[in-house]
């Protein structure tokens, strides 16, 4: 029995979601992988070779309220799967073009700030040898390129796009709530891993939201207009 037959009788939104996922899946997989690779190369070049000494950002009351939680590393790492959901659910060149334009604009703004105004989160008083998994993150991704938090910005942009896609698919309310909670979990993890401070979120969330709400020009009739 094929998967298509097993899908027979499933809710309509699952059938359309599966149809969208299958459409040009190989192109979307290769494109997402290539884009993510280019993004990470530029990110780490800016991280390892800043033009100016990074500014260490101050802590706020929110940083004091949210303590270190090693388990939140799972939420932090889940961003990469979370952001892959949107391109995999797009099946129209206008949708893909509008989405690609927004993530590129978001990346360029973030990289420009990292280039001309590098920043870093203050080092917390934590013995990382007691938390090897988080220590690995600190080794690979030092607490530079802090403000705005690109984790927060991309999570926010993804939440808006998924909201529109799920609404277009007429998905049940619990999926919309799951989308919101996943985004909030990622935002929480940026502070709970002590990879970022609250000021990074205060910059990253509005940036991601602003980009997500931009009109889709020059692309016509993408999903954000039809939803």
C-alpha atoms as a PDB file:
ATOM      1  CA  UNK A   1       0.000   0.000   0.000  1.00  0.00           C
ATOM      2  CA  UNK A   2       1.451   3.366  -0.992  1.00  0.00           C
ATOM      3  CA  UNK A   3       1.559   6.403   1.231  1.00  0.00           C
ATOM      4  CA  UNK A   4      -0.924   8.133  -1.062  1.00  0.00           C
ATOM      5  CA  UNK A   5      -3.462   5.390  -0.376  1.00  0.00           C
ATOM      6  CA  UNK A   6      -2.852   5.572   3.333  1.00  0.00           C
ATOM      7  CA  UNK A   7      -3.537   9.304   3.096  1.00  0.00           C
ATOM      8  CA  UNK A   8      -6.985   8.590   1.606  1.00  0.00           C
ATOM      9  CA  UNK A   9      -9.593   9.548   4.140  1.00  0.00           C
ATOM     10  CA  UNK A  10      -7.181  11.737   6.082  1.00  0.00           C
ATOM     11  CA  UNK A  11      -8.151  15.329   6.855  1.00  0.00           C
ATOM     12  CA  UNK A  12      -7.964  17.575   3.806  1.00  0.00           C
ATOM     13  CA  UNK A  13      -5.212  19.707   5.304  1.00  0.00           C
ATOM     14  CA  UNK A  14      -2.937  16.645   5.624  1.00  0.00           C
ATOM     15  CA  UNK A  15      -3.498  15.731   1.991  1.00  0.00           C
ATOM     16  CA  UNK A  16      -2.650  19.234   0.783  1.00  0.00           C
ATOM     17  CA  UNK A  17       0.332  19.458   3.151  1.00  0.00           C
ATOM     18  CA  UNK A  18       1.666  16.155   1.793  1.00  0.00           C
ATOM     19  CA  UNK A  19       1.102  17.357  -1.774  1.00  0.00           C
ATOM     20  CA  UNK A  20       3.022  20.549  -1.020  1.00  0.00           C
ATOM     21  CA  UNK A  21       5.833  18.615   0.614  1.00  0.00           C
ATOM     22  CA  UNK A  22       6.233  16.286  -2.393  1.00  0.00           C
ATOM     23  CA  UNK A  23       6.221  19.108  -4.933  1.00  0.00           C
ATOM     24  CA  UNK A  24       9.823  19.711  -6.100  1.00  0.00           C
ATOM     25  CA  UNK A  25      11.041  18.171  -2.833  1.00  0.00           C
ATOM     26  CA  UNK A  26      14.509  17.516  -4.239  1.00  0.00           C
ATOM     27  CA  UNK A  27      14.912  21.152  -5.336  1.00  0.00           C
ATOM     28  CA  UNK A  28      13.726  22.469  -1.980  1.00  0.00           C
ATOM     29  CA  UNK A  29      16.044  20.097  -0.106  1.00  0.00           C
ATOM     30  CA  UNK A  30      19.078  21.050  -2.169  1.00  0.00           C
ATOM     31  CA  UNK A  31      18.213  24.748  -2.081  1.00  0.00           C
ATOM     32  CA  UNK A  32      17.673  24.815   1.683  1.00  0.00           C
ATOM     33  CA  UNK A  33      20.916  22.918   2.291  1.00  0.00           C
ATOM     34  CA  UNK A  34      22.927  25.220   0.019  1.00  0.00           C
ATOM     35  CA  UNK A  35      21.410  28.362   1.546  1.00  0.00           C
ATOM     36  CA  UNK A  36      21.989  27.161   5.094  1.00  0.00           C
ATOM     37  CA  UNK A  37      25.597  26.264   4.273  1.00  0.00           C
ATOM     38  CA  UNK A  38      26.262  29.714   2.807  1.00  0.00           C
ATOM     39  CA  UNK A  39      24.606  31.353   5.804  1.00  0.00           C
ATOM     40  CA  UNK A  40      26.708  29.397   8.299  1.00  0.00           C
ATOM     41  CA  UNK A  41      29.955  30.119   6.420  1.00  0.00           C
ATOM     42  CA  UNK A  42      29.304  33.870   6.505  1.00  0.00           C
ATOM     43  CA  UNK A  43      28.114  33.693  10.108  1.00  0.00           C
ATOM     44  CA  UNK A  44      31.272  32.005  11.336  1.00  0.00           C
ATOM     45  CA  UNK A  45      33.562  34.236   9.270  1.00  0.00           C
ATOM     46  CA  UNK A  46      32.037  37.263  10.988  1.00  0.00           C
ATOM     47  CA  UNK A  47      32.166  35.507  14.341  1.00  0.00           C
ATOM     48  CA  UNK A  48      35.836  34.530  14.109  1.00  0.00           C
ATOM     49  CA  UNK A  49      37.096  37.667  12.367  1.00  0.00           C
ATOM     50  CA  UNK A  50      35.231  40.761  13.649  1.00  0.00           C
ATOM     51  CA  UNK A  51      36.285  44.118  12.224  1.00  0.00           C
ATOM     52  CA  UNK A  52      35.971  45.794  15.618  1.00  0.00           C
ATOM     53  CA  UNK A  53      36.155  44.635  19.230  1.00  0.00           C
ATOM     54  CA  UNK A  54      32.727  43.221  20.197  1.00  0.00           C
ATOM     55  CA  UNK A  55      30.586  45.211  22.604  1.00  0.00           C
ATOM     56  CA  UNK A  56      29.638  43.164  25.673  1.00  0.00           C
ATOM     57  CA  UNK A  57      25.932  43.606  26.258  1.00  0.00           C
ATOM     58  CA  UNK A  58      24.525  44.275  29.728  1.00  0.00           C
ATOM     59  CA  UNK A  59      22.196  41.949  31.603  1.00  0.00           C
ATOM     60  CA  UNK A  60      18.602  42.867  32.401  1.00  0.00           C
ATOM     61  CA  UNK A  61      16.075  41.658  34.932  1.00  0.00           C
ATOM     62  CA  UNK A  62      14.764  39.069  32.462  1.00  0.00           C
ATOM     63  CA  UNK A  63      18.227  37.495  32.336  1.00  0.00           C
ATOM     64  CA  UNK A  64      18.120  37.146  36.116  1.00  0.00           C
ATOM     65  CA  UNK A  65      14.652  35.599  36.032  1.00  0.00           C
ATOM     66  CA  UNK A  66      15.540  32.937  33.434  1.00  0.00           C
ATOM     67  CA  UNK A  67      18.152  30.639  34.897  1.00  0.00           C
ATOM     68  CA  UNK A  68      20.497  28.262  33.133  1.00  0.00           C
ATOM     69  CA  UNK A  69      18.691  25.113  31.917  1.00  0.00           C
ATOM     70  CA  UNK A  70      20.935  22.582  30.126  1.00  0.00           C
ATOM     71  CA  UNK A  71      17.941  20.679  28.716  1.00  0.00           C
ATOM     72  CA  UNK A  72      16.942  23.771  26.738  1.00  0.00           C
ATOM     73  CA  UNK A  73      19.760  22.949  24.321  1.00  0.00           C
ATOM     74  CA  UNK A  74      17.255  20.604  22.639  1.00  0.00           C
ATOM     75  CA  UNK A  75      14.922  23.524  21.968  1.00  0.00           C
ATOM     76  CA  UNK A  76      17.832  25.680  20.829  1.00  0.00           C
ATOM     77  CA  UNK A  77      19.002  23.077  18.300  1.00  0.00           C
ATOM     78  CA  UNK A  78      15.451  22.421  17.084  1.00  0.00           C
ATOM     79  CA  UNK A  79      15.493  25.762  15.259  1.00  0.00           C
ATOM     80  CA  UNK A  80      17.131  24.139  12.242  1.00  0.00           C
ATOM     81  CA  UNK A  81      14.278  21.653  11.843  1.00  0.00           C
ATOM     82  CA  UNK A  82      11.688  24.332  12.642  1.00  0.00           C
ATOM     83  CA  UNK A  83      12.823  26.723   9.915  1.00  0.00           C
ATOM     84  CA  UNK A  84      12.961  23.890   7.349  1.00  0.00           C
ATOM     85  CA  UNK A  85       9.190  23.373   7.648  1.00  0.00           C
ATOM     86  CA  UNK A  86       8.312  26.532   5.720  1.00  0.00           C
ATOM     87  CA  UNK A  87      10.316  25.959   2.519  1.00  0.00           C
ATOM     88  CA  UNK A  88       9.182  22.326   2.474  1.00  0.00           C
ATOM     89  CA  UNK A  89       5.531  23.416   2.495  1.00  0.00           C
ATOM     90  CA  UNK A  90       5.862  25.911  -0.361  1.00  0.00           C
ATOM     91  CA  UNK A  91       4.842  24.764  -3.835  1.00  0.00           C
ATOM     92  CA  UNK A  92       4.626  27.932  -5.901  1.00  0.00           C
ATOM     93  CA  UNK A  93       7.464  29.991  -7.358  1.00  0.00           C
ATOM     94  CA  UNK A  94       5.901  33.190  -6.055  1.00  0.00           C
ATOM     95  CA  UNK A  95       5.690  31.742  -2.547  1.00  0.00           C
ATOM     96  CA  UNK A  96       9.284  30.542  -2.730  1.00  0.00           C
ATOM     97  CA  UNK A  97      10.485  33.851  -4.148  1.00  0.00           C
ATOM     98  CA  UNK A  98       8.760  35.902  -1.453  1.00  0.00           C
ATOM     99  CA  UNK A  99      10.112  33.652   1.289  1.00  0.00           C
ATOM    100  CA  UNK A 100      13.634  33.649  -0.139  1.00  0.00           C
ATOM    101  CA  UNK A 101      13.564  37.439  -0.430  1.00  0.00           C
ATOM    102  CA  UNK A 102      12.574  37.809   3.222  1.00  0.00           C
ATOM    103  CA  UNK A 103      15.136  35.379   4.660  1.00  0.00           C
ATOM    104  CA  UNK A 104      17.846  36.988   2.519  1.00  0.00           C
ATOM    105  CA  UNK A 105      16.897  40.477   3.694  1.00  0.00           C
ATOM    106  CA  UNK A 106      16.866  39.266   7.294  1.00  0.00           C
ATOM    107  CA  UNK A 107      20.298  37.683   6.869  1.00  0.00           C
ATOM    108  CA  UNK A 108      21.786  40.790   5.253  1.00  0.00           C
ATOM    109  CA  UNK A 109      20.530  43.062   8.033  1.00  0.00           C
ATOM    110  CA  UNK A 110      21.854  40.727  10.711  1.00  0.00           C
ATOM    111  CA  UNK A 111      25.231  40.291   9.012  1.00  0.00           C
ATOM    112  CA  UNK A 112      25.576  44.038   8.497  1.00  0.00           C
ATOM    113  CA  UNK A 113      25.067  44.626  12.211  1.00  0.00           C
ATOM    114  CA  UNK A 114      27.541  41.881  13.074  1.00  0.00           C
ATOM    115  CA  UNK A 115      30.060  43.437  10.692  1.00  0.00           C
ATOM    116  CA  UNK A 116      29.842  47.076  11.775  1.00  0.00           C
ATOM    117  CA  UNK A 117      28.611  46.676  15.355  1.00  0.00           C
ATOM    118  CA  UNK A 118      29.802  43.305  16.678  1.00  0.00           C
ATOM    119  CA  UNK A 119      28.444  42.324  20.058  1.00  0.00           C
ATOM    120  CA  UNK A 120      28.833  39.518  22.566  1.00  0.00           C
ATOM    121  CA  UNK A 121      26.944  38.121  25.521  1.00  0.00           C
ATOM    122  CA  UNK A 122      28.732  38.364  28.888  1.00  0.00           C
ATOM    123  CA  UNK A 123      30.321  35.151  30.116  1.00  0.00           C
ATOM    124  CA  UNK A 124      28.108  33.548  32.787  1.00  0.00           C
ATOM    125  CA  UNK A 125      29.592  32.106  35.972  1.00  0.00           C
ATOM    126  CA  UNK A 126      28.979  28.478  35.041  1.00  0.00           C
ATOM    127  CA  UNK A 127      31.358  25.525  35.143  1.00  0.00           C
ATOM    128  CA  UNK A 128      30.891  24.224  31.605  1.00  0.00           C
ATOM    129  CA  UNK A 129      32.755  21.001  32.380  1.00  0.00           C
ATOM    130  CA  UNK A 130      29.635  19.938  34.266  1.00  0.00           C
ATOM    131  CA  UNK A 131      27.535  20.412  31.128  1.00  0.00           C
ATOM    132  CA  UNK A 132      29.522  18.953  28.206  1.00  0.00           C
ATOM    133  CA  UNK A 133      26.739  19.234  25.624  1.00  0.00           C
ATOM    134  CA  UNK A 134      26.294  22.953  26.240  1.00  0.00           C
ATOM    135  CA  UNK A 135      30.060  23.352  26.497  1.00  0.00           C
ATOM    136  CA  UNK A 136      30.308  21.970  22.956  1.00  0.00           C
ATOM    137  CA  UNK A 137      27.892  24.660  21.772  1.00  0.00           C
ATOM    138  CA  UNK A 138      29.997  27.315  23.472  1.00  0.00           C
ATOM    139  CA  UNK A 139      33.107  25.962  21.760  1.00  0.00           C
ATOM    140  CA  UNK A 140      31.577  25.854  18.283  1.00  0.00           C
ATOM    141  CA  UNK A 141      29.367  28.937  18.506  1.00  0.00           C
ATOM    142  CA  UNK A 142      31.038  31.435  20.794  1.00  0.00           C
ATOM    143  CA  UNK A 143      28.754  34.033  22.348  1.00  0.00           C
ATOM    144  CA  UNK A 144      29.504  36.587  19.652  1.00  0.00           C
ATOM    145  CA  UNK A 145      27.221  37.750  16.833  1.00  0.00           C
ATOM    146  CA  UNK A 146      24.833  38.306  19.702  1.00  0.00           C
ATOM    147  CA  UNK A 147      22.613  41.266  18.833  1.00  0.00           C
ATOM    148  CA  UNK A 148      20.233  40.829  17.174  1.00  0.00           C
ATOM    149  CA  UNK A 149      19.707  37.164  17.982  1.00  0.00           C
ATOM    150  CA  UNK A 150      19.347  35.465  14.623  1.00  0.00           C
ATOM    151  CA  UNK A 151      17.842  32.495  16.439  1.00  0.00           C
ATOM    152  CA  UNK A 152      15.080  34.778  17.694  1.00  0.00           C
ATOM    153  CA  UNK A 153      14.663  36.574  14.368  1.00  0.00           C
ATOM    154  CA  UNK A 154      14.387  33.409  12.276  1.00  0.00           C
ATOM    155  CA  UNK A 155      12.121  31.698  14.802  1.00  0.00           C
ATOM    156  CA  UNK A 156       9.771  34.692  14.701  1.00  0.00           C
ATOM    157  CA  UNK A 157       9.758  34.901  10.907  1.00  0.00           C
ATOM    158  CA  UNK A 158       9.133  31.150  10.699  1.00  0.00           C
ATOM    159  CA  UNK A 159       6.250  31.342  13.181  1.00  0.00           C
ATOM    160  CA  UNK A 160       4.508  33.982  11.046  1.00  0.00           C
ATOM    161  CA  UNK A 161       4.969  32.012   7.822  1.00  0.00           C
ATOM    162  CA  UNK A 162       3.774  28.779   9.458  1.00  0.00           C
ATOM    163  CA  UNK A 163       0.754  30.595  10.871  1.00  0.00           C
ATOM    164  CA  UNK A 164      -0.219  31.698   7.361  1.00  0.00           C
ATOM    165  CA  UNK A 165       0.452  28.278   5.852  1.00  0.00           C
ATOM    166  CA  UNK A 166      -1.517  26.441   8.540  1.00  0.00           C
ATOM    167  CA  UNK A 167      -4.398  28.879   8.166  1.00  0.00           C
ATOM    168  CA  UNK A 168      -4.358  28.375   4.393  1.00  0.00           C
ATOM    169  CA  UNK A 169      -4.380  24.596   4.920  1.00  0.00           C
ATOM    170  CA  UNK A 170      -7.224  24.949   7.443  1.00  0.00           C
ATOM    171  CA  UNK A 171      -5.183  23.022   9.972  1.00  0.00           C
ATOM    172  CA  UNK A 172      -6.666  22.413  13.430  1.00  0.00           C
ATOM    173  CA  UNK A 173      -6.167  24.941  16.180  1.00  0.00           C
ATOM    174  CA  UNK A 174      -3.820  22.686  18.145  1.00  0.00           C
ATOM    175  CA  UNK A 175      -1.265  22.886  15.324  1.00  0.00           C
ATOM    176  CA  UNK A 176      -1.365  26.673  15.472  1.00  0.00           C
ATOM    177  CA  UNK A 177      -0.832  26.472  19.237  1.00  0.00           C
ATOM    178  CA  UNK A 178       2.035  24.008  18.714  1.00  0.00           C
ATOM    179  CA  UNK A 179       3.622  26.445  16.263  1.00  0.00           C
ATOM    180  CA  UNK A 180       3.374  29.282  18.794  1.00  0.00           C
ATOM    181  CA  UNK A 181       4.724  27.168  21.655  1.00  0.00           C
ATOM    182  CA  UNK A 182       7.631  25.906  19.527  1.00  0.00           C
ATOM    183  CA  UNK A 183       8.604  29.471  18.654  1.00  0.00           C
ATOM    184  CA  UNK A 184       8.326  30.573  22.287  1.00  0.00           C
ATOM    185  CA  UNK A 185      10.379  27.552  23.340  1.00  0.00           C
ATOM    186  CA  UNK A 186      13.182  28.514  20.978  1.00  0.00           C
ATOM    187  CA  UNK A 187      13.105  32.098  22.251  1.00  0.00           C
ATOM    188  CA  UNK A 188      13.276  30.810  25.815  1.00  0.00           C
ATOM    189  CA  UNK A 189      16.209  28.546  24.959  1.00  0.00           C
ATOM    190  CA  UNK A 190      18.329  31.448  23.717  1.00  0.00           C
ATOM    191  CA  UNK A 191      18.334  32.783  27.275  1.00  0.00           C
ATOM    192  CA  UNK A 192      18.238  29.458  29.123  1.00  0.00           C
ATOM    193  CA  UNK A 193      21.380  28.217  27.343  1.00  0.00           C
ATOM    194  CA  UNK A 194      23.022  31.551  28.192  1.00  0.00           C
ATOM    195  CA  UNK A 195      23.906  31.898  24.541  1.00  0.00           C
ATOM    196  CA  UNK A 196      22.135  35.258  24.405  1.00  0.00           C
ATOM    197  CA  UNK A 197      20.874  37.980  26.712  1.00  0.00           C
ATOM    198  CA  UNK A 198      17.459  39.602  26.742  1.00  0.00           C
ATOM    199  CA  UNK A 199      18.602  42.593  24.683  1.00  0.00           C
ATOM    200  CA  UNK A 200      19.408  40.216  21.828  1.00  0.00           C
ATOM    201  CA  UNK A 201      15.796  39.011  21.880  1.00  0.00           C
ATOM    202  CA  UNK A 202      14.447  42.535  22.136  1.00  0.00           C
ATOM    203  CA  UNK A 203      16.228  43.247  18.832  1.00  0.00           C
ATOM    204  CA  UNK A 204      15.780  39.882  17.118  1.00  0.00           C
ATOM    205  CA  UNK A 205      12.044  39.333  17.621  1.00  0.00           C
ATOM    206  CA  UNK A 206      10.922  42.737  16.193  1.00  0.00           C
ATOM    207  CA  UNK A 207      13.371  42.328  13.317  1.00  0.00           C
ATOM    208  CA  UNK A 208      11.957  38.933  12.354  1.00  0.00           C
ATOM    209  CA  UNK A 209       8.391  40.192  12.733  1.00  0.00           C
ATOM    210  CA  UNK A 210       9.044  43.314  10.659  1.00  0.00           C
ATOM    211  CA  UNK A 211      10.573  41.318   7.802  1.00  0.00           C
ATOM    212  CA  UNK A 212       7.749  38.751   7.899  1.00  0.00           C
ATOM    213  CA  UNK A 213       5.116  41.494   7.603  1.00  0.00           C
ATOM    214  CA  UNK A 214       6.706  43.207   4.611  1.00  0.00           C
ATOM    215  CA  UNK A 215       4.654  43.136   1.378  1.00  0.00           C
ATOM    216  CA  UNK A 216       5.742  40.395  -1.057  1.00  0.00           C
ATOM    217  CA  UNK A 217       6.725  42.774  -3.889  1.00  0.00           C
ATOM    218  CA  UNK A 218       7.783  42.028  -6.597  1.00  0.00           C
ATOM    219  CA  UNK A 219       6.226  38.562  -6.275  1.00  0.00           C
ATOM    220  CA  UNK A 220       2.527  38.095  -6.999  1.00  0.00           C
ATOM    221  CA  UNK A 221      -0.038  36.136  -5.025  1.00  0.00           C
ATOM    222  CA  UNK A 222       2.157  34.234  -2.567  1.00  0.00           C
ATOM    223  CA  UNK A 223       0.655  32.277   0.303  1.00  0.00           C
ATOM    224  CA  UNK A 224       0.725  35.284   2.613  1.00  0.00           C
ATOM    225  CA  UNK A 225      -1.788  37.060   0.372  1.00  0.00           C
ATOM    226  CA  UNK A 226      -4.033  34.049  -0.228  1.00  0.00           C
ATOM    227  CA  UNK A 227      -4.210  32.944   3.410  1.00  0.00           C
END
